[in-house]
Structure formats: C-alpha cells, structure tokens
Amino acid sequence: MTFEKIQAIIVDQLDKEPEEVTLKTNFRDDLDADSLDLFQIINDIEDELDIKIETDEGIETVEDLVKYVDSQLA
C-alpha cells in the first residue's frame, strides 16, 4: 500500500510511467530527480499520509523512502 501511494506521487510529480518507478529505482540516477524534485515528492507524501519526514538524507531509492515512511506510520 505504501509503495503504491508513493509510486503514484512520484509518477505524477516527475511525469514518469508507473513501470519506471520500482523499489530499486534511484531518484537521481534513474529518474533524473534533483533535490527540489525530492523535496516536492516528500511534501506530497507528508500531505497524503499525514506524517512528517524530517530529512531526505539517506533516501536514494524508492525503497529507502518506502521503508522510512513505513517506519513513521508504525
């Protein structure tokens, strides 16, 4: 569930196809996302899931972000 929500936000924000966004997808290398893109994705996730993400440090892949969000929801 978390992955699907995050995937939808990334697809919308970066104008990508869903199949381009997997757990192993790297934001910078695979999606050409810069820090501003990641900031906007994180803001959208915070609004959607009503959580606070303190930092994007250490978040390089979609899986990193999903694990972080899951830990905040637990």
PDB file of N, CA and C in Angstrom:
ATOM      1  N   MET A   1       0.825  -1.191   0.000  1.00  0.00           N
ATOM      2  CA  MET A   1       0.000   0.000   0.000  1.00  0.00           C
ATOM      3  C   MET A   1       0.874   1.262   0.000  1.00  0.00           C
ATOM      4  N   THR A   2       1.872   1.292   0.863  1.00  0.00           N
ATOM      5  CA  THR A   2       2.745   2.465   0.934  1.00  0.00           C
ATOM      6  C   THR A   2       3.455   2.677  -0.400  1.00  0.00           C
ATOM      7  N   PHE A   3       3.988   1.597  -0.969  1.00  0.00           N
ATOM      8  CA  PHE A   3       4.701   1.728  -2.234  1.00  0.00           C
ATOM      9  C   PHE A   3       3.798   2.303  -3.321  1.00  0.00           C
ATOM     10  N   GLU A   4       2.574   1.801  -3.411  1.00  0.00           N
ATOM     11  CA  GLU A   4       1.668   2.255  -4.464  1.00  0.00           C
ATOM     12  C   GLU A   4       1.358   3.743  -4.327  1.00  0.00           C
ATOM     13  N   LYS A   5       1.155   4.213  -3.104  1.00  0.00           N
ATOM     14  CA  LYS A   5       0.882   5.640  -2.894  1.00  0.00           C
ATOM     15  C   LYS A   5       2.096   6.490  -3.265  1.00  0.00           C
ATOM     16  N   ILE A   6       3.262   6.042  -2.825  1.00  0.00           N
ATOM     17  CA  ILE A   6       4.489   6.775  -3.127  1.00  0.00           C
ATOM     18  C   ILE A   6       4.768   6.735  -4.624  1.00  0.00           C
ATOM     19  N   GLN A   7       4.569   5.595  -5.229  1.00  0.00           N
ATOM     20  CA  GLN A   7       4.778   5.462  -6.674  1.00  0.00           C
ATOM     21  C   GLN A   7       3.882   6.444  -7.439  1.00  0.00           C
ATOM     22  N   ALA A   8       2.612   6.520  -7.043  1.00  0.00           N
ATOM     23  CA  ALA A   8       1.677   7.423  -7.721  1.00  0.00           C
ATOM     24  C   ALA A   8       2.127   8.878  -7.600  1.00  0.00           C
ATOM     25  N   ILE A   9       2.627   9.258  -6.433  1.00  0.00           N
ATOM     26  CA  ILE A   9       3.104  10.629  -6.216  1.00  0.00           C
ATOM     27  C   ILE A   9       4.331  10.903  -7.087  1.00  0.00           C
ATOM     28  N   ILE A  10       5.263   9.956  -7.139  1.00  0.00           N
ATOM     29  CA  ILE A  10       6.470  10.130  -7.949  1.00  0.00           C
ATOM     30  C   ILE A  10       6.109  10.231  -9.432  1.00  0.00           C
ATOM     31  N   VAL A  11       5.235   9.347  -9.888  1.00  0.00           N
ATOM     32  CA  VAL A  11       4.809   9.350 -11.295  1.00  0.00           C
ATOM     33  C   VAL A  11       4.192  10.699 -11.650  1.00  0.00           C
ATOM     34  N   ASP A  12       3.332  11.198 -10.771  1.00  0.00           N
ATOM     35  CA  ASP A  12       2.672  12.473 -11.006  1.00  0.00           C
ATOM     36  C   ASP A  12       3.666  13.639 -10.977  1.00  0.00           C
ATOM     37  N   GLN A  13       4.528  13.634  -9.987  1.00  0.00           N
ATOM     38  CA  GLN A  13       5.450  14.747  -9.791  1.00  0.00           C
ATOM     39  C   GLN A  13       6.528  14.825 -10.878  1.00  0.00           C
ATOM     40  N   LEU A  14       7.020  13.666 -11.313  1.00  0.00           N
ATOM     41  CA  LEU A  14       8.132  13.647 -12.261  1.00  0.00           C
ATOM     42  C   LEU A  14       7.697  13.316 -13.685  1.00  0.00           C
ATOM     43  N   ASP A  15       6.394  13.180 -13.883  1.00  0.00           N
ATOM     44  CA  ASP A  15       5.856  12.880 -15.208  1.00  0.00           C
ATOM     45  C   ASP A  15       6.505  11.629 -15.806  1.00  0.00           C
ATOM     46  N   LYS A  16       6.489  10.553 -15.025  1.00  0.00           N
ATOM     47  CA  LYS A  16       7.055   9.268 -15.439  1.00  0.00           C
ATOM     48  C   LYS A  16       5.941   8.249 -15.601  1.00  0.00           C
ATOM     49  N   GLU A  17       6.276   7.118 -16.193  1.00  0.00           N
ATOM     50  CA  GLU A  17       5.341   5.997 -16.296  1.00  0.00           C
ATOM     51  C   GLU A  17       5.483   5.128 -15.050  1.00  0.00           C
ATOM     52  N   PRO A  18       4.386   4.516 -14.583  1.00  0.00           N
ATOM     53  CA  PRO A  18       4.460   3.687 -13.368  1.00  0.00           C
ATOM     54  C   PRO A  18       5.527   2.597 -13.435  1.00  0.00           C
ATOM     55  N   GLU A  19       5.723   1.989 -14.610  1.00  0.00           N
ATOM     56  CA  GLU A  19       6.720   0.915 -14.711  1.00  0.00           C
ATOM     57  C   GLU A  19       8.150   1.429 -14.570  1.00  0.00           C
ATOM     58  N   GLU A  20       8.346   2.733 -14.651  1.00  0.00           N
ATOM     59  CA  GLU A  20       9.674   3.317 -14.447  1.00  0.00           C
ATOM     60  C   GLU A  20      10.018   3.452 -12.964  1.00  0.00           C
ATOM     61  N   VAL A  21       9.019   3.326 -12.104  1.00  0.00           N
ATOM     62  CA  VAL A  21       9.211   3.553 -10.667  1.00  0.00           C
ATOM     63  C   VAL A  21       9.013   2.232  -9.924  1.00  0.00           C
ATOM     64  N   THR A  22      10.140   1.598  -9.579  1.00  0.00           N
ATOM     65  CA  THR A  22      10.118   0.354  -8.815  1.00  0.00           C
ATOM     66  C   THR A  22      10.822   0.603  -7.484  1.00  0.00           C
ATOM     67  N   LEU A  23      10.838  -0.378  -6.616  1.00  0.00           N
ATOM     68  CA  LEU A  23      11.523  -0.217  -5.334  1.00  0.00           C
ATOM     69  C   LEU A  23      13.014   0.062  -5.521  1.00  0.00           C
ATOM     70  N   LYS A  24      13.605  -0.488  -6.555  1.00  0.00           N
ATOM     71  CA  LYS A  24      15.053  -0.329  -6.776  1.00  0.00           C
ATOM     72  C   LYS A  24      15.410   0.941  -7.541  1.00  0.00           C
ATOM     73  N   THR A  25      14.415   1.714  -7.957  1.00  0.00           N
ATOM     74  CA  THR A  25      14.662   2.928  -8.730  1.00  0.00           C
ATOM     75  C   THR A  25      15.393   3.965  -7.884  1.00  0.00           C
ATOM     76  N   ASN A  26      16.486   4.489  -8.441  1.00  0.00           N
ATOM     77  CA  ASN A  26      17.256   5.541  -7.776  1.00  0.00           C
ATOM     78  C   ASN A  26      16.737   6.892  -8.272  1.00  0.00           C
ATOM     79  N   PHE A  27      16.430   7.769  -7.320  1.00  0.00           N
ATOM     80  CA  PHE A  27      15.852   9.068  -7.681  1.00  0.00           C
ATOM     81  C   PHE A  27      16.738   9.858  -8.644  1.00  0.00           C
ATOM     82  N   ARG A  28      18.007   9.961  -8.322  1.00  0.00           N
ATOM     83  CA  ARG A  28      18.896  10.788  -9.140  1.00  0.00           C
ATOM     84  C   ARG A  28      19.346  10.065 -10.409  1.00  0.00           C
ATOM     85  N   ASP A  29      19.789   8.830 -10.280  1.00  0.00           N
ATOM     86  CA  ASP A  29      20.353   8.107 -11.424  1.00  0.00           C
ATOM     87  C   ASP A  29      19.292   7.670 -12.427  1.00  0.00           C
ATOM     88  N   ASP A  30      18.163   7.157 -11.938  1.00  0.00           N
ATOM     89  CA  ASP A  30      17.150   6.583 -12.827  1.00  0.00           C
ATOM     90  C   ASP A  30      16.057   7.572 -13.226  1.00  0.00           C
ATOM     91  N   LEU A  31      15.736   8.503 -12.343  1.00  0.00           N
ATOM     92  CA  LEU A  31      14.624   9.423 -12.605  1.00  0.00           C
ATOM     93  C   LEU A  31      15.080  10.854 -12.896  1.00  0.00           C
ATOM     94  N   ASP A  32      16.383  11.099 -12.816  1.00  0.00           N
ATOM     95  CA  ASP A  32      16.930  12.448 -13.019  1.00  0.00           C
ATOM     96  C   ASP A  32      16.286  13.480 -12.094  1.00  0.00           C
ATOM     97  N   ALA A  33      15.960  13.053 -10.889  1.00  0.00           N
ATOM     98  CA  ALA A  33      15.345  13.957  -9.913  1.00  0.00           C
ATOM     99  C   ALA A  33      16.431  14.736  -9.185  1.00  0.00           C
ATOM    100  N   ASP A  34      16.192  16.030  -9.017  1.00  0.00           N
ATOM    101  CA  ASP A  34      17.133  16.828  -8.234  1.00  0.00           C
ATOM    102  C   ASP A  34      16.572  17.014  -6.823  1.00  0.00           C
ATOM    103  N   SER A  35      17.276  17.774  -6.009  1.00  0.00           N
ATOM    104  CA  SER A  35      16.856  17.934  -4.615  1.00  0.00           C
ATOM    105  C   SER A  35      15.502  18.633  -4.511  1.00  0.00           C
ATOM    106  N   LEU A  36      15.209  19.534  -5.434  1.00  0.00           N
ATOM    107  CA  LEU A  36      13.911  20.205  -5.422  1.00  0.00           C
ATOM    108  C   LEU A  36      12.780  19.214  -5.741  1.00  0.00           C
ATOM    109  N   ASP A  37      13.026  18.317  -6.695  1.00  0.00           N
ATOM    110  CA  ASP A  37      12.042  17.276  -7.012  1.00  0.00           C
ATOM    111  C   ASP A  37      11.777  16.403  -5.794  1.00  0.00           C
ATOM    112  N   LEU A  38      12.844  15.982  -5.139  1.00  0.00           N
ATOM    113  CA  LEU A  38      12.708  15.122  -3.967  1.00  0.00           C
ATOM    114  C   LEU A  38      11.975  15.857  -2.843  1.00  0.00           C
ATOM    115  N   PHE A  39      12.271  17.128  -2.664  1.00  0.00           N
ATOM    116  CA  PHE A  39      11.588  17.938  -1.666  1.00  0.00           C
ATOM    117  C   PHE A  39      10.080  17.974  -1.944  1.00  0.00           C
ATOM    118  N   GLN A  40       9.703  18.173  -3.193  1.00  0.00           N
ATOM    119  CA  GLN A  40       8.288  18.230  -3.552  1.00  0.00           C
ATOM    120  C   GLN A  40       7.608  16.871  -3.361  1.00  0.00           C
ATOM    121  N   ILE A  41       8.296  15.804  -3.720  1.00  0.00           N
ATOM    122  CA  ILE A  41       7.761  14.448  -3.517  1.00  0.00           C
ATOM    123  C   ILE A  41       7.520  14.207  -2.035  1.00  0.00           C
ATOM    124  N   ILE A  42       8.489  14.574  -1.217  1.00  0.00           N
ATOM    125  CA  ILE A  42       8.361  14.387   0.235  1.00  0.00           C
ATOM    126  C   ILE A  42       7.201  15.221   0.778  1.00  0.00           C
ATOM    127  N   ASN A  43       7.060  16.460   0.315  1.00  0.00           N
ATOM    128  CA  ASN A  43       5.930  17.297   0.751  1.00  0.00           C
ATOM    129  C   ASN A  43       4.593  16.648   0.399  1.00  0.00           C
ATOM    130  N   ASP A  44       4.493  16.122  -0.817  1.00  0.00           N
ATOM    131  CA  ASP A  44       3.254  15.471  -1.240  1.00  0.00           C
ATOM    132  C   ASP A  44       2.955  14.235  -0.399  1.00  0.00           C
ATOM    133  N   ILE A  45       3.996  13.467  -0.065  1.00  0.00           N
ATOM    134  CA  ILE A  45       3.812  12.279   0.773  1.00  0.00           C
ATOM    135  C   ILE A  45       3.360  12.687   2.171  1.00  0.00           C
ATOM    136  N   GLU A  46       3.969  13.739   2.708  1.00  0.00           N
ATOM    137  CA  GLU A  46       3.572  14.225   4.034  1.00  0.00           C
ATOM    138  C   GLU A  46       2.094  14.623   4.047  1.00  0.00           C
ATOM    139  N   ASP A  47       1.664  15.333   3.007  1.00  0.00           N
ATOM    140  CA  ASP A  47       0.260  15.757   2.928  1.00  0.00           C
ATOM    141  C   ASP A  47      -0.675  14.567   2.768  1.00  0.00           C
ATOM    142  N   GLU A  48      -0.312  13.637   1.899  1.00  0.00           N
ATOM    143  CA  GLU A  48      -1.153  12.480   1.590  1.00  0.00           C
ATOM    144  C   GLU A  48      -1.312  11.545   2.790  1.00  0.00           C
ATOM    145  N   LEU A  49      -0.206  11.304   3.496  1.00  0.00           N
ATOM    146  CA  LEU A  49      -0.206  10.305   4.569  1.00  0.00           C
ATOM    147  C   LEU A  49      -0.247  10.922   5.965  1.00  0.00           C
ATOM    148  N   ASP A  50      -0.264  12.250   6.039  1.00  0.00           N
ATOM    149  CA  ASP A  50      -0.324  12.953   7.316  1.00  0.00           C
ATOM    150  C   ASP A  50       0.809  12.538   8.255  1.00  0.00           C
ATOM    151  N   ILE A  51       2.030  12.574   7.724  1.00  0.00           N
ATOM    152  CA  ILE A  51       3.217  12.280   8.518  1.00  0.00           C
ATOM    153  C   ILE A  51       4.227  13.398   8.299  1.00  0.00           C
ATOM    154  N   LYS A  52       5.284  13.387   9.098  1.00  0.00           N
ATOM    155  CA  LYS A  52       6.363  14.365   8.946  1.00  0.00           C
ATOM    156  C   LYS A  52       7.640  13.619   8.600  1.00  0.00           C
ATOM    157  N   ILE A  53       8.254  13.985   7.493  1.00  0.00           N
ATOM    158  CA  ILE A  53       9.532  13.409   7.083  1.00  0.00           C
ATOM    159  C   ILE A  53      10.588  14.461   7.376  1.00  0.00           C
ATOM    160  N   GLU A  54      11.480  14.149   8.292  1.00  0.00           N
ATOM    161  CA  GLU A  54      12.426  15.133   8.796  1.00  0.00           C
ATOM    162  C   GLU A  54      13.545  15.476   7.813  1.00  0.00           C
ATOM    163  N   THR A  55      13.935  14.526   6.977  1.00  0.00           N
ATOM    164  CA  THR A  55      15.087  14.749   6.114  1.00  0.00           C
ATOM    165  C   THR A  55      15.014  13.868   4.888  1.00  0.00           C
ATOM    166  N   ASP A  56      15.708  14.253   3.849  1.00  0.00           N
ATOM    167  CA  ASP A  56      15.837  13.368   2.695  1.00  0.00           C
ATOM    168  C   ASP A  56      17.221  12.714   2.696  1.00  0.00           C
ATOM    169  N   GLU A  57      17.972  12.938   3.783  1.00  0.00           N
ATOM    170  CA  GLU A  57      19.305  12.357   3.890  1.00  0.00           C
ATOM    171  C   GLU A  57      19.207  10.832   3.931  1.00  0.00           C
ATOM    172  N   GLY A  58      19.992  10.177   3.111  1.00  0.00           N
ATOM    173  CA  GLY A  58      19.993   8.727   3.072  1.00  0.00           C
ATOM    174  C   GLY A  58      18.892   8.135   2.202  1.00  0.00           C
ATOM    175  N   ILE A  59      18.059   8.978   1.627  1.00  0.00           N
ATOM    176  CA  ILE A  59      16.996   8.492   0.752  1.00  0.00           C
ATOM    177  C   ILE A  59      17.481   8.618  -0.688  1.00  0.00           C
ATOM    178  N   GLU A  60      17.920   7.487  -1.223  1.00  0.00           N
ATOM    179  CA  GLU A  60      18.434   7.487  -2.594  1.00  0.00           C
ATOM    180  C   GLU A  60      17.524   6.719  -3.533  1.00  0.00           C
ATOM    181  N   THR A  61      16.859   5.686  -2.999  1.00  0.00           N
ATOM    182  CA  THR A  61      15.989   4.864  -3.842  1.00  0.00           C
ATOM    183  C   THR A  61      14.547   4.959  -3.354  1.00  0.00           C
ATOM    184  N   VAL A  62      13.643   4.497  -4.184  1.00  0.00           N
ATOM    185  CA  VAL A  62      12.236   4.460  -3.799  1.00  0.00           C
ATOM    186  C   VAL A  62      12.072   3.556  -2.572  1.00  0.00           C
ATOM    187  N   GLU A  63      12.815   2.463  -2.542  1.00  0.00           N
ATOM    188  CA  GLU A  63      12.742   1.550  -1.399  1.00  0.00           C
ATOM    189  C   GLU A  63      13.148   2.244  -0.098  1.00  0.00           C
ATOM    190  N   ASP A  64      14.196   3.072  -0.146  1.00  0.00           N
ATOM    191  CA  ASP A  64      14.615   3.832   1.041  1.00  0.00           C
ATOM    192  C   ASP A  64      13.464   4.693   1.554  1.00  0.00           C
ATOM    193  N   LEU A  65      12.781   5.338   0.641  1.00  0.00           N
ATOM    194  CA  LEU A  65      11.672   6.217   1.016  1.00  0.00           C
ATOM    195  C   LEU A  65      10.497   5.416   1.574  1.00  0.00           C
ATOM    196  N   VAL A  66      10.176   4.294   0.942  1.00  0.00           N
ATOM    197  CA  VAL A  66       9.079   3.445   1.415  1.00  0.00           C
ATOM    198  C   VAL A  66       9.373   2.940   2.832  1.00  0.00           C
ATOM    199  N   LYS A  67      10.599   2.483   3.068  1.00  0.00           N
ATOM    200  CA  LYS A  67      10.970   1.983   4.403  1.00  0.00           C
ATOM    201  C   LYS A  67      10.877   3.103   5.443  1.00  0.00           C
ATOM    202  N   TYR A  68      11.330   4.286   5.084  1.00  0.00           N
ATOM    203  CA  TYR A  68      11.270   5.421   6.014  1.00  0.00           C
ATOM    204  C   TYR A  68       9.814   5.764   6.341  1.00  0.00           C
ATOM    205  N   VAL A  69       8.975   5.841   5.318  1.00  0.00           N
ATOM    206  CA  VAL A  69       7.567   6.168   5.528  1.00  0.00           C
ATOM    207  C   VAL A  69       6.898   5.095   6.371  1.00  0.00           C
ATOM    208  N   ASP A  70       7.175   3.823   6.079  1.00  0.00           N
ATOM    209  CA  ASP A  70       6.597   2.728   6.874  1.00  0.00           C
ATOM    210  C   ASP A  70       7.004   2.843   8.339  1.00  0.00           C
ATOM    211  N   SER A  71       8.250   3.230   8.597  1.00  0.00           N
ATOM    212  CA  SER A  71       8.707   3.370   9.986  1.00  0.00           C
ATOM    213  C   SER A  71       7.977   4.514  10.687  1.00  0.00           C
ATOM    214  N   GLN A  72       7.623   5.566   9.941  1.00  0.00           N
ATOM    215  CA  GLN A  72       6.883   6.691  10.514  1.00  0.00           C
ATOM    216  C   GLN A  72       5.420   6.333  10.768  1.00  0.00           C
ATOM    217  N   LEU A  73       4.874   5.443   9.967  1.00  0.00           N
ATOM    218  CA  LEU A  73       3.486   5.047  10.113  1.00  0.00           C
ATOM    219  C   LEU A  73       3.283   4.008  11.199  1.00  0.00           C
ATOM    220  N   ALA A  74       4.370   3.306  11.552  1.00  0.00           N
ATOM    221  CA  ALA A  74       4.274   2.217  12.537  1.00  0.00           C
ATOM    222  C   ALA A  74       4.037   2.734  13.943  1.00  0.00           C
TER     223      ALA A  74
END
